[in-house]
Amino acid sequence: MMRHIGSPTVHLATEPVDMRKSINVLSVLVADHLECNPLSGSLFVFYNNARDKIKILYWDRNGFCLWYKRLEKHRFHIPAYISGDSVELSSEQLSWLLSGLHINEIQGHPALEFSTVM
C-alpha cells in the first residue's frame, strides 16, 4: 500500500516506458527527461505501449518505492491531449486512472462563489 501524508504531487509521463526498467533507470528518467527531483516525494507515473501496465515511483523517507499494476483485461485510459514530458494530476485523478476511468471526462459540481450569505 502506498503511504503518503497529504496529497503528493503526481506527474504522469506522456510517453510510454518499457516496463522492464528498474528503480534506478526510472529515477534517472525522472531527473533527466521529466526534469524533476526524484527525491521530492512526488509520485511519478509511467505506463507501457499497450497501456495495460503502470509503474509509480516515489521516494519514501529513506528509499525508493516502486508500485506496479498490471491489468488482466482492459486498458488504462491515458489522456490523448497531453503534451510535454509530463502532466500533473491530482491525487483524485490518479485514483480515477487506476480505477479505469477517463480522467479528462469526469467533472464534479462547479464551484460556486457568493458575495453575501442570505
Protein backbone atom coordinates (compact mmCIF):
# COMPACT_ATOMS: atom_id res chain seq x y z
CA MET A 1 0.00 0.00 0.00
CA MET A 2 1.30 3.44 -0.85
CA ARG A 3 1.53 5.64 2.21
CA HIS A 4 1.64 9.38 1.88
CA ILE A 5 0.79 12.23 4.19
CA GLY A 6 -1.44 14.76 2.48
CA SER A 7 -1.75 14.95 -1.28
CA PRO A 8 1.57 14.48 -3.08
CA THR A 9 2.22 15.96 -6.49
CA VAL A 10 1.59 13.39 -9.23
CA HIS A 11 3.48 13.52 -12.53
CA LEU A 12 2.21 11.35 -15.39
CA ALA A 13 4.84 10.76 -18.10
CA THR A 14 3.44 11.50 -21.54
CA GLU A 15 5.42 8.81 -23.39
CA PRO A 16 5.18 5.04 -22.83
CA VAL A 17 8.06 3.36 -21.00
CA ASP A 18 9.48 -0.17 -21.21
CA MET A 19 8.15 -1.87 -18.06
CA ARG A 20 11.42 -3.80 -17.67
CA LYS A 21 13.01 -0.57 -16.41
CA SER A 22 14.04 -0.71 -12.77
CA ILE A 23 14.02 1.86 -9.98
CA ASN A 24 17.47 3.14 -10.96
CA VAL A 25 16.58 3.72 -14.61
CA LEU A 26 13.19 5.25 -13.79
CA SER A 27 14.76 7.66 -11.28
CA VAL A 28 17.24 8.77 -13.97
CA LEU A 29 14.30 9.27 -16.38
CA VAL A 30 12.59 11.46 -13.77
CA ALA A 31 15.70 13.59 -13.32
CA ASP A 32 16.87 13.82 -16.94
CA HIS A 33 13.74 13.50 -19.08
CA LEU A 34 11.00 14.89 -16.81
CA GLU A 35 13.41 17.39 -15.22
CA CYS A 36 12.03 16.73 -11.73
CA ASN A 37 13.68 15.75 -8.48
CA PRO A 38 13.04 12.02 -7.90
CA LEU A 39 13.73 12.55 -4.16
CA SER A 40 10.95 15.14 -3.80
CA GLY A 41 8.28 12.73 -2.53
CA SER A 42 6.19 13.29 -5.66
CA LEU A 43 4.64 10.32 -7.43
CA PHE A 44 5.97 9.61 -10.93
CA VAL A 45 3.60 7.53 -13.07
CA PHE A 46 4.79 5.54 -16.10
CA TYR A 47 2.78 3.32 -18.47
CA ASN A 48 3.64 0.91 -21.27
CA ASN A 49 2.73 0.97 -25.00
CA ALA A 50 -0.19 -1.42 -24.53
CA ARG A 51 -1.46 0.76 -21.65
CA ASP A 52 -2.16 -2.30 -19.52
CA LYS A 53 0.68 -1.73 -17.04
CA ILE A 54 1.54 1.18 -14.77
CA LYS A 55 4.53 1.79 -12.51
CA ILE A 56 4.59 4.51 -9.87
CA LEU A 57 7.95 5.59 -8.48
CA TYR A 58 8.32 7.69 -5.34
CA TRP A 59 10.79 8.43 -2.55
CA ASP A 60 9.63 7.41 0.93
CA ARG A 61 11.82 8.77 3.76
CA ASN A 62 14.86 6.54 3.24
CA GLY A 63 14.44 4.77 -0.09
CA PHE A 64 12.61 4.48 -3.37
CA CYS A 65 9.33 2.62 -3.66
CA LEU A 66 8.03 1.17 -6.89
CA TRP A 67 4.34 0.35 -7.19
CA TYR A 68 3.23 -1.78 -10.13
CA LYS A 69 -0.21 -2.61 -11.53
CA ARG A 70 -0.91 -4.97 -14.42
CA LEU A 71 -4.41 -5.25 -15.85
CA GLU A 72 -5.50 -8.72 -16.88
CA LYS A 73 -8.18 -7.29 -19.15
CA HIS A 74 -8.86 -3.78 -20.48
CA ARG A 75 -6.52 -0.78 -20.72
CA PHE A 76 -5.75 2.33 -18.69
CA HIS A 77 -7.32 5.45 -20.18
CA ILE A 78 -4.29 7.70 -20.63
CA PRO A 79 -5.40 11.13 -21.88
CA ALA A 80 -4.57 11.71 -25.53
CA TYR A 81 -4.40 15.50 -25.22
CA ILE A 82 -1.28 15.66 -23.02
CA SER A 83 1.82 17.40 -24.35
CA GLY A 84 5.28 17.97 -22.95
CA ASP A 85 7.26 15.41 -20.98
CA SER A 86 4.75 15.04 -18.15
CA VAL A 87 1.43 16.31 -16.93
CA GLU A 88 0.48 16.99 -13.34
CA LEU A 89 -2.51 15.08 -11.97
CA SER A 90 -4.38 15.45 -8.72
CA SER A 91 -4.40 12.51 -6.31
CA GLU A 92 -8.06 12.12 -7.19
CA GLN A 93 -7.28 11.89 -10.92
CA LEU A 94 -4.63 9.26 -10.22
CA SER A 95 -7.20 7.23 -8.31
CA TRP A 96 -9.63 7.55 -11.23
CA LEU A 97 -6.92 6.49 -13.69
CA LEU A 98 -6.07 3.40 -11.62
CA SER A 99 -9.79 2.57 -11.37
CA GLY A 100 -10.20 2.62 -15.16
CA LEU A 101 -11.99 5.94 -15.52
CA HIS A 102 -11.37 8.62 -18.15
CA ILE A 103 -9.75 11.36 -16.08
CA ASN A 104 -10.44 14.15 -18.57
CA GLU A 105 -14.16 13.40 -18.82
CA ILE A 106 -15.03 13.39 -15.12
CA GLN A 107 -16.24 16.64 -13.63
CA GLY A 108 -17.79 17.36 -10.29
CA HIS A 109 -20.22 20.13 -9.47
CA PRO A 110 -18.91 23.55 -10.48
CA ALA A 111 -17.50 25.78 -7.77
CA LEU A 112 -19.88 28.46 -6.51
CA GLU A 113 -18.84 31.89 -5.32
CA PHE A 114 -21.17 34.18 -3.41
CA SER A 115 -20.61 37.69 -2.16
CA THR A 116 -23.24 37.54 0.62
CA VAL A 117 -24.97 34.96 2.76
CA MET A 118 -28.76 35.02 3.00
